[in-house]
Every structure is written in structure tokens, then in C-alpha cells.
Amino acid sequence: MTTQLGNINLFVRDVERAAHFYVDVLGLIVDEQRSEPPGFVLLKAGTATVTLQDSTAPEAAFGRTENIELGFLTDDVGAIRERFVARNLPVEDIQQMGWGSGFNASDLDGHRLTVYRMNDWPEGDSAK
């Protein structure tokens, strides 16, 4: 049996505005066939998806949470950070760590984000 993360559902105040953020800033792709605006938009994020759902939907739980952070793997941390800066969005400096580099930020609804790039693993390393 295998299990993998398939989707993250985020409740947002404005689905269209949030979708523009995730497409324009983070480069996610709208799945037109599976989206049903204005109720929700499904975004392709590599092998997983992110659903942006209207926070006024029945049983929606909306509010700032400090115990969840969405991590987005990219090959160009600096370019993504510049997109935050160009839109005057709050963003932290890029941190260099032993495993790679990245920065922390928030989306328009206050969901915590981290954008990172892993260092290349040596060829033949089983941790790849």
C-alpha cells in the first residue's frame, strides 16, 4: 500500500484573487476542468493539487493558523521571491542552509508559505 499527498484545501476570502496570487506569484496552473468558480478553483502543484475554496462555504473553517505551512519546491528561489517583492507582499530574506535555500512568506489570506530549493544530491546517493 502506498500513500501520497494528493490535495490541500485552503479556505480563502476571495477565490479569484487567491487564484491569481498562486498562478502569478508561485506559478501554479489552474485545472479548468475540475474548477468550479466562484466556489472553488483547483490548482496543479506538481504531483499534488491545491484547492482554493470560498471561506463562506458551509462548514468552512477560516482563520489564521500558525501550525500549518505549505512548502513549495522550486528551481529558482530568487525569482519567486522577486515576484513577492514586485507586488509589495511581505516576504523574508532568503536563508542558506546545509540542505538548500529558501524563504518564508504568507499568501493573501495569511496562510504560511515556504519556498525552497534543495541542494543537488550527489549521484548515486540513496537519499535522492
C-alpha atoms as a PDB file:
ATOM      1  CA  MET A   1       0.000   0.000   0.000  1.00  0.00           C
ATOM      2  CA  THR A   2       1.294   3.463  -0.852  1.00  0.00           C
ATOM      3  CA  THR A   3       0.022   6.827   0.281  1.00  0.00           C
ATOM      4  CA  GLN A   4       0.935  10.242  -1.039  1.00  0.00           C
ATOM      5  CA  LEU A   5      -0.350  13.755  -0.536  1.00  0.00           C
ATOM      6  CA  GLY A   6      -2.829  14.487  -3.305  1.00  0.00           C
ATOM      7  CA  ASN A   7      -4.562  17.756  -2.389  1.00  0.00           C
ATOM      8  CA  ILE A   8      -4.545  20.585   0.108  1.00  0.00           C
ATOM      9  CA  ASN A   9      -7.779  22.521   0.583  1.00  0.00           C
ATOM     10  CA  LEU A  10      -7.356  26.182   1.543  1.00  0.00           C
ATOM     11  CA  PHE A  11     -10.273  28.367   2.542  1.00  0.00           C
ATOM     12  CA  VAL A  12      -9.831  31.872   1.138  1.00  0.00           C
ATOM     13  CA  ARG A  13     -11.832  35.115   1.288  1.00  0.00           C
ATOM     14  CA  ASP A  14     -11.713  35.720  -2.481  1.00  0.00           C
ATOM     15  CA  VAL A  15     -11.204  32.662  -4.692  1.00  0.00           C
ATOM     16  CA  GLU A  16     -10.392  34.628  -7.864  1.00  0.00           C
ATOM     17  CA  ARG A  17      -7.891  36.904  -6.115  1.00  0.00           C
ATOM     18  CA  ALA A  18      -6.219  33.943  -4.383  1.00  0.00           C
ATOM     19  CA  ALA A  19      -6.026  32.017  -7.668  1.00  0.00           C
ATOM     20  CA  HIS A  20      -4.275  34.973  -9.341  1.00  0.00           C
ATOM     21  CA  PHE A  21      -1.752  35.028  -6.486  1.00  0.00           C
ATOM     22  CA  TYR A  22      -0.944  31.316  -6.704  1.00  0.00           C
ATOM     23  CA  VAL A  23      -0.708  31.418 -10.509  1.00  0.00           C
ATOM     24  CA  ASP A  24       1.162  34.721 -10.911  1.00  0.00           C
ATOM     25  CA  VAL A  25       3.493  34.512  -7.907  1.00  0.00           C
ATOM     26  CA  LEU A  26       4.068  30.781  -7.409  1.00  0.00           C
ATOM     27  CA  GLY A  27       3.466  29.544 -10.963  1.00  0.00           C
ATOM     28  CA  LEU A  28       0.732  27.001 -10.188  1.00  0.00           C
ATOM     29  CA  ILE A  29      -1.616  26.034 -13.033  1.00  0.00           C
ATOM     30  CA  VAL A  30      -5.425  26.260 -12.953  1.00  0.00           C
ATOM     31  CA  ASP A  31      -7.161  22.962 -13.718  1.00  0.00           C
ATOM     32  CA  GLU A  32     -10.035  24.394 -15.764  1.00  0.00           C
ATOM     33  CA  GLN A  33     -11.879  21.056 -15.999  1.00  0.00           C
ATOM     34  CA  ARG A  34     -12.047  20.454 -12.262  1.00  0.00           C
ATOM     35  CA  SER A  35     -12.530  24.050 -11.070  1.00  0.00           C
ATOM     36  CA  GLU A  36     -15.954  25.494 -10.325  1.00  0.00           C
ATOM     37  CA  PRO A  37     -15.571  29.219  -9.712  1.00  0.00           C
ATOM     38  CA  PRO A  38     -16.656  31.131  -7.790  1.00  0.00           C
ATOM     39  CA  GLY A  39     -16.971  28.262  -5.296  1.00  0.00           C
ATOM     40  CA  PHE A  40     -13.518  26.795  -5.773  1.00  0.00           C
ATOM     41  CA  VAL A  41     -10.503  26.683  -8.081  1.00  0.00           C
ATOM     42  CA  LEU A  42      -8.271  23.635  -8.338  1.00  0.00           C
ATOM     43  CA  LEU A  43      -4.591  24.369  -8.983  1.00  0.00           C
ATOM     44  CA  LYS A  44      -1.966  21.916 -10.195  1.00  0.00           C
ATOM     45  CA  ALA A  45       1.121  21.987  -7.990  1.00  0.00           C
ATOM     46  CA  GLY A  46       3.438  19.322  -9.350  1.00  0.00           C
ATOM     47  CA  THR A  47       2.065  15.912  -8.394  1.00  0.00           C
ATOM     48  CA  ALA A  48      -0.375  17.404  -5.865  1.00  0.00           C
ATOM     49  CA  THR A  49      -3.190  19.915  -6.154  1.00  0.00           C
ATOM     50  CA  VAL A  50      -4.264  22.922  -4.112  1.00  0.00           C
ATOM     51  CA  THR A  51      -7.965  23.700  -3.908  1.00  0.00           C
ATOM     52  CA  LEU A  52      -8.862  27.297  -3.131  1.00  0.00           C
ATOM     53  CA  GLN A  53     -12.343  27.227  -1.644  1.00  0.00           C
ATOM     54  CA  ASP A  54     -14.647  30.099  -0.739  1.00  0.00           C
ATOM     55  CA  SER A  55     -14.446  30.639   3.022  1.00  0.00           C
ATOM     56  CA  THR A  56     -18.202  31.271   3.186  1.00  0.00           C
ATOM     57  CA  ALA A  57     -18.962  27.691   2.081  1.00  0.00           C
ATOM     58  CA  PRO A  58     -20.956  25.598   4.582  1.00  0.00           C
ATOM     59  CA  GLU A  59     -18.686  24.054   7.208  1.00  0.00           C
ATOM     60  CA  ALA A  60     -15.697  26.128   6.052  1.00  0.00           C
ATOM     61  CA  ALA A  61     -13.137  26.865   8.727  1.00  0.00           C
ATOM     62  CA  PHE A  62     -11.348  30.123   8.059  1.00  0.00           C
ATOM     63  CA  GLY A  63      -8.753  31.889  10.110  1.00  0.00           C
ATOM     64  CA  ARG A  64      -5.060  32.345  10.542  1.00  0.00           C
ATOM     65  CA  THR A  65      -3.306  29.182  11.614  1.00  0.00           C
ATOM     66  CA  GLU A  66       0.211  29.008  12.946  1.00  0.00           C
ATOM     67  CA  ASN A  67       0.581  25.240  12.893  1.00  0.00           C
ATOM     68  CA  ILE A  68       0.491  24.620   9.120  1.00  0.00           C
ATOM     69  CA  GLU A  69       2.973  25.779   6.490  1.00  0.00           C
ATOM     70  CA  LEU A  70       2.770  24.988   2.780  1.00  0.00           C
ATOM     71  CA  GLY A  71       6.146  24.215   1.206  1.00  0.00           C
ATOM     72  CA  PHE A  72       6.721  24.909  -2.488  1.00  0.00           C
ATOM     73  CA  LEU A  73       9.784  23.369  -4.127  1.00  0.00           C
ATOM     74  CA  THR A  74      11.256  25.458  -6.958  1.00  0.00           C
ATOM     75  CA  ASP A  75      14.406  25.594  -9.029  1.00  0.00           C
ATOM     76  CA  ASP A  76      14.665  29.416  -8.672  1.00  0.00           C
ATOM     77  CA  VAL A  77      14.047  30.706  -5.148  1.00  0.00           C
ATOM     78  CA  GLY A  78      15.287  34.200  -6.040  1.00  0.00           C
ATOM     79  CA  ALA A  79      12.853  34.638  -8.949  1.00  0.00           C
ATOM     80  CA  ILE A  80       9.871  33.615  -6.831  1.00  0.00           C
ATOM     81  CA  ARG A  81      10.963  35.954  -4.031  1.00  0.00           C
ATOM     82  CA  GLU A  82      11.235  38.813  -6.542  1.00  0.00           C
ATOM     83  CA  ARG A  83       7.586  38.216  -7.511  1.00  0.00           C
ATOM     84  CA  PHE A  84       6.614  38.803  -3.872  1.00  0.00           C
ATOM     85  CA  VAL A  85       8.751  41.940  -3.713  1.00  0.00           C
ATOM     86  CA  ALA A  86       7.376  43.314  -7.023  1.00  0.00           C
ATOM     87  CA  ARG A  87       3.843  43.040  -5.600  1.00  0.00           C
ATOM     88  CA  ASN A  88       4.827  44.639  -2.263  1.00  0.00           C
ATOM     89  CA  LEU A  89       3.958  41.457  -0.397  1.00  0.00           C
ATOM     90  CA  PRO A  90       5.655  40.743   2.923  1.00  0.00           C
ATOM     91  CA  VAL A  91       8.477  38.281   2.452  1.00  0.00           C
ATOM     92  CA  GLU A  92      11.520  37.223   4.463  1.00  0.00           C
ATOM     93  CA  ASP A  93      15.105  37.127   3.230  1.00  0.00           C
ATOM     94  CA  ILE A  94      16.436  34.009   1.557  1.00  0.00           C
ATOM     95  CA  GLN A  95      18.159  31.716   4.049  1.00  0.00           C
ATOM     96  CA  GLN A  96      21.053  29.473   3.006  1.00  0.00           C
ATOM     97  CA  MET A  97      21.076  26.150   4.838  1.00  0.00           C
ATOM     98  CA  GLY A  98      23.040  22.943   4.531  1.00  0.00           C
ATOM     99  CA  TRP A  99      20.226  21.247   2.597  1.00  0.00           C
ATOM    100  CA  GLY A 100      19.472  24.185   0.266  1.00  0.00           C
ATOM    101  CA  SER A 101      17.922  27.643   0.398  1.00  0.00           C
ATOM    102  CA  GLY A 102      14.517  29.166   0.896  1.00  0.00           C
ATOM    103  CA  PHE A 103      12.377  31.909   2.348  1.00  0.00           C
ATOM    104  CA  ASN A 104       9.160  32.271   4.310  1.00  0.00           C
ATOM    105  CA  ALA A 105       6.158  34.356   3.358  1.00  0.00           C
ATOM    106  CA  SER A 106       2.349  34.340   3.549  1.00  0.00           C
ATOM    107  CA  ASP A 107      -0.369  34.273   0.938  1.00  0.00           C
ATOM    108  CA  LEU A 108      -3.083  36.941   0.732  1.00  0.00           C
ATOM    109  CA  ASP A 109      -5.180  35.181   3.385  1.00  0.00           C
ATOM    110  CA  GLY A 110      -2.344  34.685   5.857  1.00  0.00           C
ATOM    111  CA  HIS A 111      -1.576  31.037   5.095  1.00  0.00           C
ATOM    112  CA  ARG A 112       2.082  30.392   5.920  1.00  0.00           C
ATOM    113  CA  LEU A 113       4.296  29.520   2.956  1.00  0.00           C
ATOM    114  CA  THR A 114       7.878  28.448   2.499  1.00  0.00           C
ATOM    115  CA  VAL A 115       9.541  28.454  -0.912  1.00  0.00           C
ATOM    116  CA  TYR A 116      12.696  26.392  -1.160  1.00  0.00           C
ATOM    117  CA  ARG A 117      15.252  24.681  -3.359  1.00  0.00           C
ATOM    118  CA  MET A 118      17.112  21.563  -2.299  1.00  0.00           C
ATOM    119  CA  ASN A 119      20.810  21.217  -2.995  1.00  0.00           C
ATOM    120  CA  ASP A 120      21.542  18.637  -5.650  1.00  0.00           C
ATOM    121  CA  TRP A 121      22.222  15.240  -4.123  1.00  0.00           C
ATOM    122  CA  PRO A 122      25.468  13.529  -5.154  1.00  0.00           C
ATOM    123  CA  GLU A 123      24.946  10.998  -7.921  1.00  0.00           C
ATOM    124  CA  GLY A 124      24.260   7.541  -6.568  1.00  0.00           C
ATOM    125  CA  ASP A 125      23.079   8.856  -3.176  1.00  0.00           C
ATOM    126  CA  SER A 126      20.128   6.793  -1.952  1.00  0.00           C
ATOM    127  CA  ALA A 127      18.563   9.876  -0.335  1.00  0.00           C
ATOM    128  CA  LYS A 128      17.794  11.318  -3.758  1.00  0.00           C
END
